[in-house]
């Protein structure tokens, strides 16, 4: 999904909040199939497109609910819901209470915020969105570290990919008691332009797998995630595309003095349906 297509979709959601938007109408405006639009929107934002559409309609409808005496059925029709019950079910699902109760008790409700496309960065072949603040439980990985020198990486932009492919397909994906559908690429900075790249998979504890492989534990904590989505297989992401992601991450952290860097690392988590999701490992 290119930035212009995403802008068109997001603008339509806000501009036509009183109409009955469908996936098909949005897909035509974005010049792609409905299934492709839904898949890419979920990859990029972490939520389904129609959940976002309904959430934005409900957020706008709170104005009439709290500031007028309009009947619930009239509010429902104003925001494109076919029936009063459809609006009430959507409201209950979004806010965990019925609209009548929210009105009577003047409840403060958390709304689904508008996605601001100006904060989305377009690379040559993908889009970067973030930051997202997430809390991650402790987890363990096992992998095969490879030292990559700055000159070698610049000369061969696919060097990390080559290391990752060899480690994953030849060894890691065949280990017992691992989840082969999730790939972790961990970067430990060694100084200068050199770093250790460790292709990895998750394990249930630190005692499984061959003894010669390296194990690492990520502590539970609050992480900041930047999500990269590209219309290509993960192994086709080269150093130029990755660099734009790292620049976005570094720019964010340099502008946020309240964050600490407990370890000099970050990790990438690749899992379906997201092509590549980069998570900054700073708390």
C-alpha atoms as a PDB file:
ATOM      1  CA  UNK A   1       0.000   0.000   0.000  1.00  0.00           C
ATOM      2  CA  UNK A   2       1.644   3.219  -1.127  1.00  0.00           C
ATOM      3  CA  UNK A   3       1.327   6.354   0.961  1.00  0.00           C
ATOM      4  CA  UNK A   4      -1.059   7.999  -1.545  1.00  0.00           C
ATOM      5  CA  UNK A   5      -3.411   5.002  -1.435  1.00  0.00           C
ATOM      6  CA  UNK A   6      -3.364   4.987   2.344  1.00  0.00           C
ATOM      7  CA  UNK A   7      -4.052   8.730   2.417  1.00  0.00           C
ATOM      8  CA  UNK A   8      -7.046   8.228   0.131  1.00  0.00           C
ATOM      9  CA  UNK A   9      -8.485   5.497   2.348  1.00  0.00           C
ATOM     10  CA  UNK A  10      -7.985   7.434   5.587  1.00  0.00           C
ATOM     11  CA  UNK A  11      -9.469  10.599   4.072  1.00  0.00           C
ATOM     12  CA  UNK A  12     -12.545   8.690   2.879  1.00  0.00           C
ATOM     13  CA  UNK A  13     -13.123   7.238   6.342  1.00  0.00           C
ATOM     14  CA  UNK A  14     -13.177  10.713   7.892  1.00  0.00           C
ATOM     15  CA  UNK A  15     -14.969  12.477   5.060  1.00  0.00           C
ATOM     16  CA  UNK A  16     -17.711   9.886   4.669  1.00  0.00           C
ATOM     17  CA  UNK A  17     -18.287   9.065   8.314  1.00  0.00           C
ATOM     18  CA  UNK A  18     -22.041   9.483   7.812  1.00  0.00           C
ATOM     19  CA  UNK A  19     -22.247   7.025   4.930  1.00  0.00           C
ATOM     20  CA  UNK A  20     -22.088   3.263   4.620  1.00  0.00           C
ATOM     21  CA  UNK A  21     -18.478   2.644   3.692  1.00  0.00           C
ATOM     22  CA  UNK A  22     -17.660  -0.830   2.429  1.00  0.00           C
ATOM     23  CA  UNK A  23     -14.402  -2.622   1.772  1.00  0.00           C
ATOM     24  CA  UNK A  24     -15.259  -2.673  -1.912  1.00  0.00           C
ATOM     25  CA  UNK A  25     -15.712   1.113  -2.131  1.00  0.00           C
ATOM     26  CA  UNK A  26     -12.465   1.739  -0.266  1.00  0.00           C
ATOM     27  CA  UNK A  27     -10.609  -0.798  -2.415  1.00  0.00           C
ATOM     28  CA  UNK A  28     -11.736   0.894  -5.633  1.00  0.00           C
ATOM     29  CA  UNK A  29     -10.499   4.239  -4.297  1.00  0.00           C
ATOM     30  CA  UNK A  30      -7.142   2.669  -3.348  1.00  0.00           C
ATOM     31  CA  UNK A  31      -6.781   0.929  -6.758  1.00  0.00           C
ATOM     32  CA  UNK A  32      -6.362  -2.545  -5.299  1.00  0.00           C
ATOM     33  CA  UNK A  33      -8.427  -5.622  -4.552  1.00  0.00           C
ATOM     34  CA  UNK A  34     -10.521  -5.765  -1.395  1.00  0.00           C
ATOM     35  CA  UNK A  35      -8.535  -8.680   0.017  1.00  0.00           C
ATOM     36  CA  UNK A  36      -5.229  -6.937  -0.664  1.00  0.00           C
ATOM     37  CA  UNK A  37      -6.425  -3.719   0.955  1.00  0.00           C
ATOM     38  CA  UNK A  38      -7.606  -5.536   4.082  1.00  0.00           C
ATOM     39  CA  UNK A  39      -4.375  -7.494   4.358  1.00  0.00           C
ATOM     40  CA  UNK A  40      -2.101  -4.482   3.941  1.00  0.00           C
ATOM     41  CA  UNK A  41      -4.121  -2.281   6.289  1.00  0.00           C
ATOM     42  CA  UNK A  42      -3.924  -4.949   9.002  1.00  0.00           C
ATOM     43  CA  UNK A  43      -0.198  -5.393   8.448  1.00  0.00           C
ATOM     44  CA  UNK A  44       0.474  -1.695   8.629  1.00  0.00           C
ATOM     45  CA  UNK A  45      -1.803  -0.646  11.485  1.00  0.00           C
ATOM     46  CA  UNK A  46      -2.373  -3.805  13.504  1.00  0.00           C
ATOM     47  CA  UNK A  47      -6.168  -3.498  13.215  1.00  0.00           C
ATOM     48  CA  UNK A  48      -8.709  -4.528  10.633  1.00  0.00           C
ATOM     49  CA  UNK A  49      -9.913  -1.868   8.236  1.00  0.00           C
ATOM     50  CA  UNK A  50     -13.606  -2.309   9.048  1.00  0.00           C
ATOM     51  CA  UNK A  51     -12.923  -2.239  12.790  1.00  0.00           C
ATOM     52  CA  UNK A  52     -11.159   1.068  12.190  1.00  0.00           C
ATOM     53  CA  UNK A  53     -14.066   2.388  10.086  1.00  0.00           C
ATOM     54  CA  UNK A  54     -16.629   1.440  12.752  1.00  0.00           C
ATOM     55  CA  UNK A  55     -14.438   2.816  15.516  1.00  0.00           C
ATOM     56  CA  UNK A  56     -14.099   6.174  13.828  1.00  0.00           C
ATOM     57  CA  UNK A  57     -17.876   6.371  13.187  1.00  0.00           C
ATOM     58  CA  UNK A  58     -18.558   5.587  16.831  1.00  0.00           C
ATOM     59  CA  UNK A  59     -16.012   8.157  17.981  1.00  0.00           C
ATOM     60  CA  UNK A  60     -17.755  10.856  15.919  1.00  0.00           C
ATOM     61  CA  UNK A  61     -21.183   9.736  17.122  1.00  0.00           C
ATOM     62  CA  UNK A  62     -20.276  10.551  20.728  1.00  0.00           C
ATOM     63  CA  UNK A  63     -20.797  14.235  19.938  1.00  0.00           C
ATOM     64  CA  UNK A  64     -24.493  13.708  19.298  1.00  0.00           C
ATOM     65  CA  UNK A  65     -24.807  11.198  22.128  1.00  0.00           C
ATOM     66  CA  UNK A  66     -23.409  13.558  24.760  1.00  0.00           C
ATOM     67  CA  UNK A  67     -24.358  16.985  23.407  1.00  0.00           C
ATOM     68  CA  UNK A  68     -27.855  16.520  21.995  1.00  0.00           C
ATOM     69  CA  UNK A  69     -31.147  14.838  22.844  1.00  0.00           C
ATOM     70  CA  UNK A  70     -31.196  12.834  19.620  1.00  0.00           C
ATOM     71  CA  UNK A  71     -32.665   9.360  19.862  1.00  0.00           C
ATOM     72  CA  UNK A  72     -30.228   6.462  19.637  1.00  0.00           C
ATOM     73  CA  UNK A  73     -31.936   5.250  16.465  1.00  0.00           C
ATOM     74  CA  UNK A  74     -31.436   8.655  14.810  1.00  0.00           C
ATOM     75  CA  UNK A  75     -27.764   8.753  15.791  1.00  0.00           C
ATOM     76  CA  UNK A  76     -27.362   5.271  14.365  1.00  0.00           C
ATOM     77  CA  UNK A  77     -28.874   6.275  11.029  1.00  0.00           C
ATOM     78  CA  UNK A  78     -26.860   9.498  10.908  1.00  0.00           C
ATOM     79  CA  UNK A  79     -23.612   7.531  11.058  1.00  0.00           C
ATOM     80  CA  UNK A  80     -24.531   4.926   8.475  1.00  0.00           C
ATOM     81  CA  UNK A  81     -25.726   2.070  10.683  1.00  0.00           C
ATOM     82  CA  UNK A  82     -28.648   0.256   9.073  1.00  0.00           C
ATOM     83  CA  UNK A  83     -30.413  -0.502  12.348  1.00  0.00           C
ATOM     84  CA  UNK A  84     -30.408   0.808  15.892  1.00  0.00           C
ATOM     85  CA  UNK A  85     -29.373  -2.649  17.126  1.00  0.00           C
ATOM     86  CA  UNK A  86     -26.364  -2.641  14.789  1.00  0.00           C
ATOM     87  CA  UNK A  87     -25.181   0.630  16.320  1.00  0.00           C
ATOM     88  CA  UNK A  88     -25.800  -0.624  19.861  1.00  0.00           C
ATOM     89  CA  UNK A  89     -23.873  -3.868  19.277  1.00  0.00           C
ATOM     90  CA  UNK A  90     -20.953  -1.977  17.730  1.00  0.00           C
ATOM     91  CA  UNK A  91     -21.019   0.553  20.601  1.00  0.00           C
ATOM     92  CA  UNK A  92     -21.007  -2.232  23.218  1.00  0.00           C
ATOM     93  CA  UNK A  93     -18.116  -3.967  21.486  1.00  0.00           C
ATOM     94  CA  UNK A  94     -16.074  -0.757  21.165  1.00  0.00           C
ATOM     95  CA  UNK A  95     -16.706   0.807  24.586  1.00  0.00           C
ATOM     96  CA  UNK A  96     -17.825  -2.152  26.714  1.00  0.00           C
ATOM     97  CA  UNK A  97     -21.092  -0.446  27.647  1.00  0.00           C
ATOM     98  CA  UNK A  98     -24.381   0.403  25.872  1.00  0.00           C
ATOM     99  CA  UNK A  99     -24.885   3.938  24.505  1.00  0.00           C
ATOM    100  CA  UNK A 100     -27.833   4.623  26.828  1.00  0.00           C
ATOM    101  CA  UNK A 101     -25.718   3.943  29.906  1.00  0.00           C
ATOM    102  CA  UNK A 102     -22.848   6.047  28.588  1.00  0.00           C
ATOM    103  CA  UNK A 103     -25.258   8.948  28.056  1.00  0.00           C
ATOM    104  CA  UNK A 104     -27.006   8.654  31.438  1.00  0.00           C
ATOM    105  CA  UNK A 105     -23.824   8.266  33.476  1.00  0.00           C
ATOM    106  CA  UNK A 106     -21.752  10.675  31.359  1.00  0.00           C
ATOM    107  CA  UNK A 107     -18.984   8.108  31.057  1.00  0.00           C
ATOM    108  CA  UNK A 108     -15.531   9.033  29.792  1.00  0.00           C
ATOM    109  CA  UNK A 109     -14.840   6.723  26.859  1.00  0.00           C
ATOM    110  CA  UNK A 110     -11.505   5.982  25.141  1.00  0.00           C
ATOM    111  CA  UNK A 111     -11.965   6.496  21.411  1.00  0.00           C
ATOM    112  CA  UNK A 112     -10.244   4.954  18.424  1.00  0.00           C
ATOM    113  CA  UNK A 113      -7.920   7.717  17.299  1.00  0.00           C
ATOM    114  CA  UNK A 114      -7.606   8.832  13.701  1.00  0.00           C
ATOM    115  CA  UNK A 115      -4.531   7.446  11.990  1.00  0.00           C
ATOM    116  CA  UNK A 116      -2.424  10.393  10.867  1.00  0.00           C
ATOM    117  CA  UNK A 117      -0.784   9.476   7.581  1.00  0.00           C
ATOM    118  CA  UNK A 118       1.765  12.305   7.821  1.00  0.00           C
ATOM    119  CA  UNK A 119       3.585  10.241  10.463  1.00  0.00           C
ATOM    120  CA  UNK A 120       3.962   7.299   8.068  1.00  0.00           C
ATOM    121  CA  UNK A 121       7.282   7.069   6.248  1.00  0.00           C
ATOM    122  CA  UNK A 122       7.461   5.622   2.744  1.00  0.00           C
ATOM    123  CA  UNK A 123      10.640   3.789   1.771  1.00  0.00           C
ATOM    124  CA  UNK A 124      11.500   2.598  -1.693  1.00  0.00           C
ATOM    125  CA  UNK A 125       9.434  -0.577  -1.359  1.00  0.00           C
ATOM    126  CA  UNK A 126       7.469  -0.299   1.881  1.00  0.00           C
ATOM    127  CA  UNK A 127       5.933   1.800   4.638  1.00  0.00           C
ATOM    128  CA  UNK A 128       7.047   2.432   8.218  1.00  0.00           C
ATOM    129  CA  UNK A 129       4.559   3.340  10.941  1.00  0.00           C
ATOM    130  CA  UNK A 130       5.199   4.002  14.615  1.00  0.00           C
ATOM    131  CA  UNK A 131       5.992   4.356  17.357  1.00  0.00           C
ATOM    132  CA  UNK A 132       3.727   1.949  19.208  1.00  0.00           C
ATOM    133  CA  UNK A 133       4.243   1.386  22.927  1.00  0.00           C
ATOM    134  CA  UNK A 134       3.887  -2.258  23.893  1.00  0.00           C
ATOM    135  CA  UNK A 135       4.557  -4.372  26.962  1.00  0.00           C
ATOM    136  CA  UNK A 136       6.340  -7.609  26.123  1.00  0.00           C
ATOM    137  CA  UNK A 137       6.596 -10.558  28.550  1.00  0.00           C
ATOM    138  CA  UNK A 138       9.982 -12.176  29.043  1.00  0.00           C
ATOM    139  CA  UNK A 139      10.897 -14.502  26.188  1.00  0.00           C
ATOM    140  CA  UNK A 140      13.869 -16.606  25.123  1.00  0.00           C
ATOM    141  CA  UNK A 141      15.517 -17.094  21.754  1.00  0.00           C
ATOM    142  CA  UNK A 142      18.212 -19.336  20.346  1.00  0.00           C
ATOM    143  CA  UNK A 143      20.327 -18.408  17.343  1.00  0.00           C
ATOM    144  CA  UNK A 144      23.530 -18.350  15.364  1.00  0.00           C
ATOM    145  CA  UNK A 145      25.530 -15.110  15.745  1.00  0.00           C
ATOM    146  CA  UNK A 146      27.434 -13.660  12.815  1.00  0.00           C
ATOM    147  CA  UNK A 147      29.775 -10.675  13.053  1.00  0.00           C
ATOM    148  CA  UNK A 148      29.103  -8.213  10.230  1.00  0.00           C
ATOM    149  CA  UNK A 149      31.699  -5.559   9.531  1.00  0.00           C
ATOM    150  CA  UNK A 150      30.505  -2.181   8.337  1.00  0.00           C
ATOM    151  CA  UNK A 151      32.440  -2.335   5.081  1.00  0.00           C
ATOM    152  CA  UNK A 152      31.082  -5.769   4.218  1.00  0.00           C
ATOM    153  CA  UNK A 153      27.496  -4.680   4.891  1.00  0.00           C
ATOM    154  CA  UNK A 154      27.852  -1.555   2.762  1.00  0.00           C
ATOM    155  CA  UNK A 155      29.425  -3.547  -0.052  1.00  0.00           C
ATOM    156  CA  UNK A 156      26.800  -6.292   0.073  1.00  0.00           C
ATOM    157  CA  UNK A 157      23.439  -4.904   1.192  1.00  0.00           C
ATOM    158  CA  UNK A 158      22.003  -8.421   1.418  1.00  0.00           C
ATOM    159  CA  UNK A 159      24.634  -9.727   3.869  1.00  0.00           C
ATOM    160  CA  UNK A 160      22.294  -9.934   6.888  1.00  0.00           C
ATOM    161  CA  UNK A 161      19.687 -11.658   4.709  1.00  0.00           C
ATOM    162  CA  UNK A 162      22.190 -14.240   3.549  1.00  0.00           C
ATOM    163  CA  UNK A 163      23.199 -14.991   7.137  1.00  0.00           C
ATOM    164  CA  UNK A 164      19.558 -15.186   8.175  1.00  0.00           C
ATOM    165  CA  UNK A 165      18.517 -17.502   5.339  1.00  0.00           C
ATOM    166  CA  UNK A 166      21.383 -19.909   5.909  1.00  0.00           C
ATOM    167  CA  UNK A 167      20.836 -20.086   9.659  1.00  0.00           C
ATOM    168  CA  UNK A 168      17.049 -20.340   9.479  1.00  0.00           C
ATOM    169  CA  UNK A 169      16.523 -22.830   6.671  1.00  0.00           C
ATOM    170  CA  UNK A 170      19.518 -25.066   7.422  1.00  0.00           C
ATOM    171  CA  UNK A 171      19.323 -25.218  11.232  1.00  0.00           C
ATOM    172  CA  UNK A 172      16.871 -23.070  13.187  1.00  0.00           C
ATOM    173  CA  UNK A 173      13.591 -24.037  11.511  1.00  0.00           C
ATOM    174  CA  UNK A 174      14.423 -27.711  12.071  1.00  0.00           C
ATOM    175  CA  UNK A 175      14.994 -27.489  15.823  1.00  0.00           C
ATOM    176  CA  UNK A 176      12.478 -29.254  18.080  1.00  0.00           C
ATOM    177  CA  UNK A 177      10.201 -27.251  20.379  1.00  0.00           C
ATOM    178  CA  UNK A 178      10.492 -23.965  18.491  1.00  0.00           C
ATOM    179  CA  UNK A 179       7.965 -21.867  16.592  1.00  0.00           C
ATOM    180  CA  UNK A 180       9.361 -21.799  13.047  1.00  0.00           C
ATOM    181  CA  UNK A 181       6.755 -19.245  11.888  1.00  0.00           C
ATOM    182  CA  UNK A 182       8.355 -16.435  13.890  1.00  0.00           C
ATOM    183  CA  UNK A 183      11.865 -15.262  13.070  1.00  0.00           C
ATOM    184  CA  UNK A 184      13.927 -12.941  15.249  1.00  0.00           C
ATOM    185  CA  UNK A 185      16.880 -11.004  13.919  1.00  0.00           C
ATOM    186  CA  UNK A 186      18.828  -9.498  16.820  1.00  0.00           C
ATOM    187  CA  UNK A 187      21.458  -6.811  16.359  1.00  0.00           C
ATOM    188  CA  UNK A 188      24.112  -6.363  19.048  1.00  0.00           C
ATOM    189  CA  UNK A 189      26.270  -3.315  18.359  1.00  0.00           C
ATOM    190  CA  UNK A 190      30.010  -3.903  18.710  1.00  0.00           C
ATOM    191  CA  UNK A 191      31.174  -0.353  18.124  1.00  0.00           C
ATOM    192  CA  UNK A 192      31.836   1.746  15.058  1.00  0.00           C
ATOM    193  CA  UNK A 193      29.944   0.307  12.091  1.00  0.00           C
ATOM    194  CA  UNK A 194      30.307  -3.292  13.232  1.00  0.00           C
ATOM    195  CA  UNK A 195      27.652  -5.423  14.857  1.00  0.00           C
ATOM    196  CA  UNK A 196      26.729  -8.988  15.623  1.00  0.00           C
ATOM    197  CA  UNK A 197      23.619 -10.171  13.819  1.00  0.00           C
ATOM    198  CA  UNK A 198      21.926 -13.205  15.340  1.00  0.00           C
ATOM    199  CA  UNK A 199      19.249 -15.032  13.303  1.00  0.00           C
ATOM    200  CA  UNK A 200      17.034 -16.663  15.940  1.00  0.00           C
ATOM    201  CA  UNK A 201      13.811 -18.473  16.795  1.00  0.00           C
ATOM    202  CA  UNK A 202      11.900 -18.542  20.049  1.00  0.00           C
ATOM    203  CA  UNK A 203      12.346 -21.338  22.606  1.00  0.00           C
ATOM    204  CA  UNK A 204      10.450 -22.130  25.784  1.00  0.00           C
ATOM    205  CA  UNK A 205      13.551 -21.999  28.014  1.00  0.00           C
ATOM    206  CA  UNK A 206      17.310 -21.643  27.914  1.00  0.00           C
ATOM    207  CA  UNK A 207      18.103 -25.350  28.122  1.00  0.00           C
ATOM    208  CA  UNK A 208      16.760 -26.589  24.773  1.00  0.00           C
ATOM    209  CA  UNK A 209      18.561 -26.945  21.462  1.00  0.00           C
ATOM    210  CA  UNK A 210      22.182 -27.671  20.527  1.00  0.00           C
ATOM    211  CA  UNK A 211      24.727 -26.473  23.102  1.00  0.00           C
ATOM    212  CA  UNK A 212      26.835 -24.636  20.514  1.00  0.00           C
ATOM    213  CA  UNK A 213      24.048 -22.171  19.673  1.00  0.00           C
ATOM    214  CA  UNK A 214      23.770 -18.860  21.514  1.00  0.00           C
ATOM    215  CA  UNK A 215      20.825 -18.174  23.805  1.00  0.00           C
ATOM    216  CA  UNK A 216      19.419 -14.818  24.797  1.00  0.00           C
ATOM    217  CA  UNK A 217      16.657 -13.701  27.141  1.00  0.00           C
ATOM    218  CA  UNK A 218      14.652 -10.539  26.512  1.00  0.00           C
ATOM    219  CA  UNK A 219      13.452  -9.157  29.851  1.00  0.00           C
ATOM    220  CA  UNK A 220       9.810  -8.293  30.325  1.00  0.00           C
ATOM    221  CA  UNK A 221       9.250  -4.590  29.886  1.00  0.00           C
ATOM    222  CA  UNK A 222       7.950  -1.738  27.849  1.00  0.00           C
ATOM    223  CA  UNK A 223       9.231  -1.596  24.308  1.00  0.00           C
ATOM    224  CA  UNK A 224       8.735   0.838  21.447  1.00  0.00           C
ATOM    225  CA  UNK A 225       7.809  -0.793  18.165  1.00  0.00           C
ATOM    226  CA  UNK A 226       8.092   0.475  14.621  1.00  0.00           C
ATOM    227  CA  UNK A 227       6.213  -1.596  12.069  1.00  0.00           C
ATOM    228  CA  UNK A 228       7.597  -2.020   8.559  1.00  0.00           C
ATOM    229  CA  UNK A 229       5.402  -3.459   5.830  1.00  0.00           C
ATOM    230  CA  UNK A 230       6.694  -4.168   2.356  1.00  0.00           C
ATOM    231  CA  UNK A 231       5.152  -5.810  -0.677  1.00  0.00           C
ATOM    232  CA  UNK A 232       8.021  -8.273  -0.955  1.00  0.00           C
ATOM    233  CA  UNK A 233       9.394 -11.342   0.846  1.00  0.00           C
ATOM    234  CA  UNK A 234      11.470 -10.505   3.963  1.00  0.00           C
ATOM    235  CA  UNK A 235      14.684 -11.751   2.348  1.00  0.00           C
ATOM    236  CA  UNK A 236      14.400  -9.053  -0.322  1.00  0.00           C
ATOM    237  CA  UNK A 237      14.697  -6.237   2.201  1.00  0.00           C
ATOM    238  CA  UNK A 238      18.177  -4.826   1.628  1.00  0.00           C
ATOM    239  CA  UNK A 239      20.376  -2.606   3.765  1.00  0.00           C
ATOM    240  CA  UNK A 240      19.045   0.575   2.121  1.00  0.00           C
ATOM    241  CA  UNK A 241      15.458  -0.169   3.139  1.00  0.00           C
ATOM    242  CA  UNK A 242      16.558  -1.273   6.605  1.00  0.00           C
ATOM    243  CA  UNK A 243      18.610   1.895   7.041  1.00  0.00           C
ATOM    244  CA  UNK A 244      15.525   4.083   6.543  1.00  0.00           C
ATOM    245  CA  UNK A 245      13.792   2.158   9.301  1.00  0.00           C
ATOM    246  CA  UNK A 246      16.770   2.516  11.624  1.00  0.00           C
ATOM    247  CA  UNK A 247      16.929   6.240  10.884  1.00  0.00           C
ATOM    248  CA  UNK A 248      13.263   6.630  11.839  1.00  0.00           C
ATOM    249  CA  UNK A 249      13.878   4.696  15.061  1.00  0.00           C
ATOM    250  CA  UNK A 250      17.001   6.682  15.949  1.00  0.00           C
ATOM    251  CA  UNK A 251      15.306  10.002  15.213  1.00  0.00           C
ATOM    252  CA  UNK A 252      12.487   9.101  17.589  1.00  0.00           C
ATOM    253  CA  UNK A 253      14.798   8.133  20.440  1.00  0.00           C
ATOM    254  CA  UNK A 254      17.057  11.146  20.030  1.00  0.00           C
ATOM    255  CA  UNK A 255      13.989  13.372  20.396  1.00  0.00           C
ATOM    256  CA  UNK A 256      12.737  11.515  23.492  1.00  0.00           C
ATOM    257  CA  UNK A 257      15.156  12.072  26.362  1.00  0.00           C
ATOM    258  CA  UNK A 258      12.980  10.126  28.821  1.00  0.00           C
ATOM    259  CA  UNK A 259      13.922   6.773  27.266  1.00  0.00           C
ATOM    260  CA  UNK A 260      16.863   4.716  28.491  1.00  0.00           C
ATOM    261  CA  UNK A 261      18.985   2.271  26.497  1.00  0.00           C
ATOM    262  CA  UNK A 262      19.639  -0.618  28.913  1.00  0.00           C
ATOM    263  CA  UNK A 263      21.305  -2.724  26.231  1.00  0.00           C
ATOM    264  CA  UNK A 264      22.911  -1.791  22.952  1.00  0.00           C
ATOM    265  CA  UNK A 265      20.627  -3.874  20.777  1.00  0.00           C
ATOM    266  CA  UNK A 266      17.405  -3.948  18.823  1.00  0.00           C
ATOM    267  CA  UNK A 267      15.472  -6.792  17.290  1.00  0.00           C
ATOM    268  CA  UNK A 268      13.376  -7.515  14.258  1.00  0.00           C
ATOM    269  CA  UNK A 269      10.408  -9.859  14.498  1.00  0.00           C
ATOM    270  CA  UNK A 270       9.125 -11.365  11.281  1.00  0.00           C
ATOM    271  CA  UNK A 271       5.880 -13.315  11.308  1.00  0.00           C
ATOM    272  CA  UNK A 272       2.851 -13.755   9.061  1.00  0.00           C
ATOM    273  CA  UNK A 273       0.965 -11.816   7.907  1.00  0.00           C
ATOM    274  CA  UNK A 274       3.412  -8.972   8.554  1.00  0.00           C
ATOM    275  CA  UNK A 275       6.276  -9.003   6.100  1.00  0.00           C
ATOM    276  CA  UNK A 276       8.727  -7.403   8.493  1.00  0.00           C
ATOM    277  CA  UNK A 277       8.119  -5.787  11.869  1.00  0.00           C
ATOM    278  CA  UNK A 278      11.016  -3.975  13.502  1.00  0.00           C
ATOM    279  CA  UNK A 279      10.903  -3.616  17.260  1.00  0.00           C
ATOM    280  CA  UNK A 280      13.294  -1.253  18.949  1.00  0.00           C
ATOM    281  CA  UNK A 281      14.752  -2.923  22.003  1.00  0.00           C
ATOM    282  CA  UNK A 282      14.975   0.153  24.122  1.00  0.00           C
ATOM    283  CA  UNK A 283      12.839   0.567  27.214  1.00  0.00           C
END
